[in-house]
Protein backbone atom coordinates (compact mmCIF):
# COMPACT_ATOMS: atom_id res chain seq x y z
CA UNK A 1 -83.95 -126.66 -95.17
CA UNK A 2 -82.65 -128.68 -92.21
CA UNK A 3 -79.08 -127.90 -91.14
CA UNK A 4 -76.95 -130.70 -89.68
CA UNK A 5 -74.74 -128.84 -87.26
CA UNK A 6 -72.77 -129.81 -84.18
CA UNK A 7 -73.74 -128.20 -80.84
CA UNK A 8 -73.23 -124.44 -80.80
CA UNK A 9 -71.25 -124.71 -77.57
CA UNK A 10 -68.64 -126.85 -79.31
CA UNK A 11 -68.29 -124.34 -82.13
CA UNK A 12 -67.93 -121.47 -79.64
CA UNK A 13 -65.28 -123.40 -77.74
CA UNK A 14 -63.31 -124.03 -80.94
CA UNK A 15 -63.53 -120.39 -82.06
CA UNK A 16 -62.41 -119.05 -78.68
CA UNK A 17 -59.58 -121.58 -78.34
CA UNK A 18 -58.34 -120.80 -81.86
CA UNK A 19 -58.23 -117.08 -81.05
CA UNK A 20 -56.35 -117.49 -77.80
CA UNK A 21 -54.47 -120.67 -78.73
CA UNK A 22 -55.20 -121.63 -75.14
CA UNK A 23 -57.92 -123.80 -73.58
CA UNK A 24 -57.41 -121.92 -70.31
CA UNK A 25 -57.99 -118.48 -71.80
CA UNK A 26 -60.93 -119.73 -73.87
CA UNK A 27 -62.45 -121.17 -70.69
CA UNK A 28 -62.06 -117.84 -68.89
CA UNK A 29 -63.79 -116.03 -71.76
CA UNK A 30 -66.71 -118.47 -71.88
CA UNK A 31 -66.92 -118.86 -68.08
CA UNK A 32 -66.37 -122.61 -68.07
CA UNK A 33 -63.48 -124.86 -67.04
CA UNK A 34 -60.53 -125.74 -69.32
CA UNK A 35 -61.66 -129.37 -69.08
CA UNK A 36 -65.06 -128.37 -70.47
CA UNK A 37 -63.38 -126.60 -73.40
CA UNK A 38 -61.26 -129.66 -74.08
CA UNK A 39 -64.31 -131.92 -74.00
CA UNK A 40 -66.28 -129.64 -76.33
CA UNK A 41 -63.46 -129.55 -78.87
CA UNK A 42 -62.95 -133.33 -78.64
CA UNK A 43 -66.66 -133.77 -79.33
CA UNK A 44 -66.38 -131.45 -82.34
CA UNK A 45 -63.35 -133.35 -83.65
CA UNK A 46 -65.24 -136.64 -83.27
CA UNK A 47 -68.22 -135.13 -85.12
CA UNK A 48 -66.02 -133.94 -88.00
CA UNK A 49 -63.64 -136.89 -87.98
CA UNK A 50 -60.57 -134.65 -88.06
CA UNK A 51 -58.11 -133.10 -85.60
CA UNK A 52 -58.53 -129.38 -85.11
CA UNK A 53 -55.60 -128.78 -82.73
CA UNK A 54 -52.20 -130.26 -82.02
CA UNK A 55 -51.76 -130.49 -78.26
CA UNK A 56 -48.08 -129.71 -77.70
CA UNK A 57 -46.25 -129.79 -74.37
CA UNK A 58 -46.65 -126.12 -73.57
CA UNK A 59 -48.58 -124.82 -76.54
CA UNK A 60 -51.66 -125.31 -78.65
CA UNK A 61 -51.38 -125.31 -82.43
CA UNK A 62 -54.31 -125.19 -84.82
CA UNK A 63 -54.19 -127.69 -87.69
CA UNK A 64 -54.53 -126.69 -91.36
CA UNK A 65 -58.06 -128.15 -91.41
CA UNK A 66 -59.00 -126.14 -88.34
CA UNK A 67 -57.48 -123.02 -89.86
CA UNK A 68 -59.44 -123.55 -93.08
CA UNK A 69 -62.73 -123.79 -91.16
CA UNK A 70 -62.11 -120.79 -88.93
CA UNK A 71 -62.87 -117.76 -91.21
CA UNK A 72 -66.33 -118.94 -92.23
CA UNK A 73 -67.12 -119.98 -88.68
CA UNK A 74 -66.20 -116.54 -87.38
CA UNK A 75 -68.21 -114.93 -90.15
CA UNK A 76 -71.17 -117.06 -89.09
CA UNK A 77 -70.90 -115.91 -85.48
CA UNK A 78 -70.72 -112.31 -86.66
CA UNK A 79 -73.88 -112.84 -88.72
CA UNK A 80 -75.67 -114.41 -85.75
CA UNK A 81 -74.74 -111.47 -83.56
CA UNK A 82 -75.71 -108.89 -86.18
CA UNK A 83 -79.08 -110.55 -86.79
CA UNK A 84 -79.87 -110.64 -83.08
CA UNK A 85 -78.68 -107.09 -82.57
CA UNK A 86 -80.78 -105.82 -85.47
CA UNK A 87 -83.85 -107.35 -83.84
CA UNK A 88 -82.97 -106.36 -80.28
CA UNK A 89 -81.96 -102.78 -80.95
CA UNK A 90 -85.06 -100.78 -80.12
CA UNK A 91 -83.46 -97.33 -80.38
CA UNK A 92 -81.78 -96.93 -83.74
CA UNK A 93 -80.49 -93.51 -82.68
CA UNK A 94 -77.90 -95.10 -80.38
CA UNK A 95 -74.53 -95.24 -82.13
CA UNK A 96 -71.11 -96.32 -80.81
CA UNK A 97 -68.03 -95.39 -82.82
CA UNK A 98 -64.56 -96.68 -81.98
CA UNK A 99 -61.45 -94.96 -83.37
CA UNK A 100 -57.69 -94.80 -82.79
CA UNK A 101 -56.89 -92.49 -79.85
CA UNK A 102 -55.00 -89.99 -82.00
CA UNK A 103 -57.75 -89.59 -84.60
CA UNK A 104 -60.48 -89.57 -81.95
CA UNK A 105 -58.73 -86.87 -79.92
CA UNK A 106 -57.21 -84.62 -82.52
CA UNK A 107 -59.50 -84.91 -85.57
CA UNK A 108 -62.88 -86.45 -84.79
CA UNK A 109 -63.69 -84.95 -81.39
CA UNK A 110 -63.47 -81.28 -82.47
CA UNK A 111 -65.85 -82.01 -85.36
CA UNK A 112 -68.55 -83.84 -83.39
CA UNK A 113 -70.55 -80.67 -82.56
CA UNK A 114 -71.27 -80.36 -86.29
CA UNK A 115 -72.64 -83.91 -86.37
CA UNK A 116 -74.76 -83.19 -83.28
CA UNK A 117 -76.14 -80.04 -84.90
CA UNK A 118 -77.12 -81.93 -88.05
CA UNK A 119 -78.50 -84.96 -86.19
CA UNK A 120 -79.76 -83.89 -82.75
CA UNK A 121 -81.72 -87.14 -82.51
CA UNK A 122 -78.57 -89.28 -82.65
CA UNK A 123 -77.08 -90.58 -79.43
CA UNK A 124 -73.38 -90.93 -80.15
CA UNK A 125 -70.85 -92.72 -77.98
CA UNK A 126 -67.21 -92.28 -78.99
CA UNK A 127 -64.60 -94.73 -77.74
CA UNK A 128 -60.87 -94.59 -78.44
CA UNK A 129 -59.19 -97.97 -78.91
CA UNK A 130 -55.50 -98.63 -79.50
CA UNK A 131 -56.68 -101.90 -81.12
CA UNK A 132 -58.12 -99.76 -83.93
CA UNK A 133 -54.59 -99.61 -85.37
CA UNK A 134 -53.48 -102.67 -87.37
CA UNK A 135 -50.87 -104.56 -85.43
CA UNK A 136 -47.57 -106.10 -86.45
CA UNK A 137 -47.64 -108.81 -89.11
CA UNK A 138 -50.89 -108.03 -90.88
CA UNK A 139 -54.16 -106.17 -90.98
CA UNK A 140 -56.87 -108.62 -90.07
CA UNK A 141 -59.72 -108.10 -87.66
CA UNK A 142 -58.63 -110.39 -84.88
CA UNK A 143 -58.97 -110.82 -81.16
CA UNK A 144 -57.64 -107.29 -80.55
CA UNK A 145 -60.05 -105.63 -82.95
CA UNK A 146 -62.03 -102.55 -82.02
CA UNK A 147 -65.00 -103.83 -84.03
CA UNK A 148 -66.30 -107.03 -82.50
CA UNK A 149 -69.91 -107.89 -83.25
CA UNK A 150 -70.00 -110.19 -80.26
CA UNK A 151 -70.11 -106.92 -78.34
CA UNK A 152 -73.48 -105.42 -79.26
CA UNK A 153 -72.31 -101.93 -78.28
CA UNK A 154 -69.63 -101.75 -80.99
CA UNK A 155 -71.34 -100.72 -84.19
CA UNK A 156 -68.85 -98.72 -86.24
CA UNK A 157 -65.07 -98.73 -86.24
CA UNK A 158 -62.58 -96.33 -87.76
CA UNK A 159 -59.42 -98.34 -88.40
CA UNK A 160 -55.93 -97.14 -89.23
CA UNK A 161 -54.40 -99.88 -91.36
CA UNK A 162 -54.24 -101.61 -94.72
CA UNK A 163 -57.97 -102.08 -95.24
CA UNK A 164 -57.98 -105.88 -95.19
CA UNK A 165 -61.02 -106.69 -93.01
CA UNK A 166 -62.80 -109.71 -94.52
CA UNK A 167 -66.49 -110.04 -93.79
CA UNK A 168 -67.01 -106.32 -93.16
CA UNK A 169 -68.09 -103.38 -95.28
CA UNK A 170 -64.97 -101.24 -95.67
CA UNK A 171 -64.79 -97.66 -97.01
CA UNK A 172 -61.62 -95.53 -97.20
CA UNK A 173 -61.78 -92.20 -95.36
CA UNK A 174 -58.41 -90.68 -96.23
CA UNK A 175 -54.74 -91.62 -96.59
CA UNK A 176 -52.68 -89.03 -94.67
CA UNK A 177 -49.07 -87.97 -95.08
CA UNK A 178 -46.46 -87.65 -92.32
CA UNK A 179 -44.97 -84.17 -91.92
CA UNK A 180 -42.49 -82.65 -89.44
CA UNK A 181 -44.06 -80.46 -86.76
CA UNK A 182 -42.65 -78.42 -83.90
CA UNK A 183 -43.45 -75.58 -81.57
CA UNK A 184 -43.04 -72.13 -83.18
CA UNK A 185 -40.54 -71.46 -80.38
CA UNK A 186 -38.01 -73.62 -82.21
CA UNK A 187 -37.99 -71.08 -85.05
CA UNK A 188 -36.50 -68.45 -82.74
CA UNK A 189 -33.83 -70.46 -80.92
CA UNK A 190 -30.08 -70.07 -81.48
CA UNK A 191 -30.12 -72.68 -84.26
CA UNK A 192 -33.51 -72.23 -85.99
CA UNK A 193 -34.89 -74.66 -88.55
CA UNK A 194 -33.96 -72.93 -91.80
CA UNK A 195 -33.14 -76.11 -93.77
CA UNK A 196 -33.71 -79.84 -93.11
CA UNK A 197 -30.00 -80.15 -92.27
CA UNK A 198 -30.65 -77.96 -89.21
CA UNK A 199 -32.45 -80.90 -87.61
CA UNK A 200 -28.96 -81.98 -86.57
CA UNK A 201 -29.26 -79.50 -83.69
CA UNK A 202 -32.75 -80.54 -82.57
CA UNK A 203 -34.36 -83.49 -80.82
CA UNK A 204 -36.17 -85.91 -83.12
CA UNK A 205 -39.45 -87.26 -81.72
CA UNK A 206 -40.56 -90.70 -82.93
CA UNK A 207 -44.18 -91.86 -83.19
CA UNK A 208 -44.53 -95.65 -82.97
CA UNK A 209 -48.28 -95.81 -83.54
CA UNK A 210 -47.62 -98.37 -86.30
CA UNK A 211 -46.10 -101.33 -84.49
CA UNK A 212 -44.89 -102.98 -87.69
CA UNK A 213 -41.38 -101.58 -88.10
CA UNK A 214 -41.36 -102.37 -91.82
CA UNK A 215 -44.33 -100.05 -92.33
CA UNK A 216 -43.56 -97.49 -89.65
CA UNK A 217 -42.63 -94.10 -91.15
CA UNK A 218 -39.21 -93.08 -89.87
CA UNK A 219 -37.07 -90.00 -89.61
CA UNK A 220 -34.47 -91.83 -91.67
CA UNK A 221 -36.98 -92.12 -94.53
CA UNK A 222 -38.01 -88.47 -94.22
CA UNK A 223 -34.42 -87.22 -94.08
CA UNK A 224 -33.40 -89.28 -97.10
CA UNK A 225 -36.28 -87.79 -99.09
CA UNK A 226 -35.27 -84.31 -97.95
CA UNK A 227 -31.71 -84.86 -99.14
CA UNK A 228 -30.08 -85.13 -95.69
CA UNK A 229 -27.73 -88.10 -95.30
CA UNK A 230 -25.30 -87.19 -92.49
CA UNK A 231 -27.75 -87.05 -89.58
CA UNK A 232 -28.24 -89.80 -86.98
CA UNK A 233 -31.97 -90.44 -87.40
CA UNK A 234 -32.53 -92.90 -84.55
CA UNK A 235 -31.79 -90.53 -81.70
CA UNK A 236 -34.55 -88.96 -79.61
CA UNK A 237 -37.52 -90.14 -77.52
CA UNK A 238 -40.07 -92.63 -78.76
CA UNK A 239 -43.80 -92.62 -78.05
CA UNK A 240 -46.31 -95.42 -78.46
CA UNK A 241 -49.01 -93.23 -80.02
CA UNK A 242 -49.41 -89.99 -81.93
CA UNK A 243 -51.18 -88.17 -79.08
CA UNK A 244 -48.03 -88.34 -76.93
CA UNK A 245 -45.70 -87.49 -79.82
CA UNK A 246 -47.69 -84.40 -80.78
CA UNK A 247 -47.99 -83.28 -77.15
CA UNK A 248 -44.20 -83.48 -76.86
CA UNK A 249 -43.86 -81.31 -79.96
CA UNK A 250 -46.40 -78.81 -78.60
CA UNK A 251 -44.34 -78.65 -75.41
CA UNK A 252 -41.27 -77.67 -77.41
CA UNK A 253 -39.40 -80.90 -76.67
CA UNK A 254 -38.36 -81.42 -80.29
CA UNK A 255 -39.58 -82.05 -83.83
CA UNK A 256 -42.07 -84.86 -84.44
CA UNK A 257 -43.23 -86.67 -87.54
CA UNK A 258 -47.01 -86.42 -87.38
CA UNK A 259 -49.98 -87.31 -89.54
CA UNK A 260 -50.94 -84.04 -91.21
CA UNK A 261 -54.73 -84.20 -90.63
CA UNK A 262 -54.12 -84.64 -86.90
CA UNK A 263 -52.12 -81.41 -86.55
CA UNK A 264 -53.79 -79.07 -89.03
CA UNK A 265 -55.93 -77.39 -86.35
CA UNK A 266 -52.86 -76.71 -84.21
CA UNK A 267 -50.97 -75.37 -87.22
CA UNK A 268 -53.88 -73.08 -88.13
CA UNK A 269 -54.05 -71.81 -84.55
CA UNK A 270 -50.30 -71.15 -84.44
CA UNK A 271 -49.59 -73.76 -81.77
CA UNK A 272 -47.54 -75.89 -84.16
CA UNK A 273 -45.36 -75.17 -87.15
CA UNK A 274 -44.63 -77.33 -90.21
CA UNK A 275 -41.08 -76.15 -90.89
CA UNK A 276 -40.55 -78.06 -94.15
CA UNK A 277 -42.98 -79.08 -96.88
CA UNK A 278 -41.43 -82.47 -97.62
CA UNK A 279 -43.84 -85.26 -96.55
CA UNK A 280 -43.74 -89.04 -96.33
CA UNK A 281 -46.75 -91.05 -97.50
CA UNK A 282 -48.23 -93.31 -94.86
CA UNK A 283 -48.50 -97.02 -95.74
CA UNK A 284 -51.71 -97.06 -93.71
CA UNK A 285 -54.97 -95.21 -94.31
CA UNK A 286 -58.09 -94.60 -92.25
CA UNK A 287 -61.07 -96.82 -93.04
CA UNK A 288 -64.67 -96.88 -91.88
CA UNK A 289 -65.51 -100.49 -91.07
CA UNK A 290 -68.94 -101.89 -90.24
CA UNK A 291 -70.87 -105.10 -90.37
CA UNK A 292 -72.81 -105.30 -93.61
CA UNK A 293 -76.04 -106.06 -91.77
CA UNK A 294 -75.85 -102.70 -89.97
CA UNK A 295 -75.01 -100.44 -92.91
CA UNK A 296 -78.65 -99.56 -93.57
CA UNK A 297 -79.43 -98.29 -90.09
CA UNK A 298 -80.43 -94.61 -90.18
CA UNK A 299 -77.95 -93.62 -87.46
CA UNK A 300 -75.14 -95.56 -89.13
CA UNK A 301 -75.90 -94.11 -92.57
CA UNK A 302 -76.12 -90.58 -91.14
CA UNK A 303 -72.74 -90.86 -89.43
CA UNK A 304 -71.16 -92.45 -92.49
CA UNK A 305 -72.38 -89.67 -94.80
CA UNK A 306 -71.32 -86.95 -92.37
CA UNK A 307 -67.88 -88.50 -91.82
CA UNK A 308 -67.18 -88.78 -95.53
CA UNK A 309 -68.28 -85.19 -96.07
CA UNK A 310 -65.94 -84.01 -93.29
CA UNK A 311 -63.05 -86.02 -94.74
CA UNK A 312 -63.73 -84.58 -98.19
CA UNK A 313 -63.85 -81.03 -96.84
CA UNK A 314 -60.59 -81.55 -94.93
CA UNK A 315 -58.92 -82.94 -98.06
CA UNK A 316 -60.10 -79.91 -100.03
CA UNK A 317 -58.62 -77.50 -97.49
CA UNK A 318 -55.34 -79.42 -97.47
CA UNK A 319 -55.17 -79.29 -101.28
CA UNK A 320 -55.55 -75.50 -101.20
CA UNK A 321 -52.69 -75.24 -98.73
CA UNK A 322 -50.28 -77.11 -101.02
């Protein structure tokens, strides 16, 4: 079957410009001039007979027709990259996994020796990416994504979000709860944490890993569920990710709301204390995300099976603790 397609360079220029909403930034990405990007897109618009962008005074706006074409075009580029990578990859034991910094540091990293023992042939590279957390306003794999098949090194991503990643194979890992945690030293101070109302006398630590304020678990939500209504819930320091928030709690700086799976090892070792059992469900969950063309690779399948087994074992231990 013969395909009537415009030049690939024009399609790449359109895709990059639509991501950045800037000819200049698209040009920098593709190592050409902004004029070249403009010419490529003009050629594509002439080929299609439609306008793909509105050129405003200080902005670039994609048209509805351009927006309608974009998802399938991006999916096509992902398929091209996956097909080439499948052919080019000579060592199927090489595996790169990207994950949110908090999960990578506090949950995944301590478990990796077990994966290495089961699969000594696998060559694993773990990368922590703040972009692995869904950003404000939605949960789509966009320009900030930690799984970008244009980068042949990125094979698997663990995302913390809503699970809406069109064009990828998506599997839920677990949906954690937020619980209060603190240093055991706070149980022996002049005003110990006997009831949730005692939080009035302690510093509240805020984790802003979820940038979307409408979905961000808050102390106000936790306190309301615990039956405390007279406490100012917005006071206290704020941290951009869970690693910093938990470190502050470990240091005895206050009480943090933390994702339970990320602190269970510290609780078991006596470094942290969960003073109250009340928990807040997270609107986000952890998902394993991969390109469908890569799911059958031995290294990918081995890591996927191991990861799900670890998540299941952790969930079983947590259930026993309830």
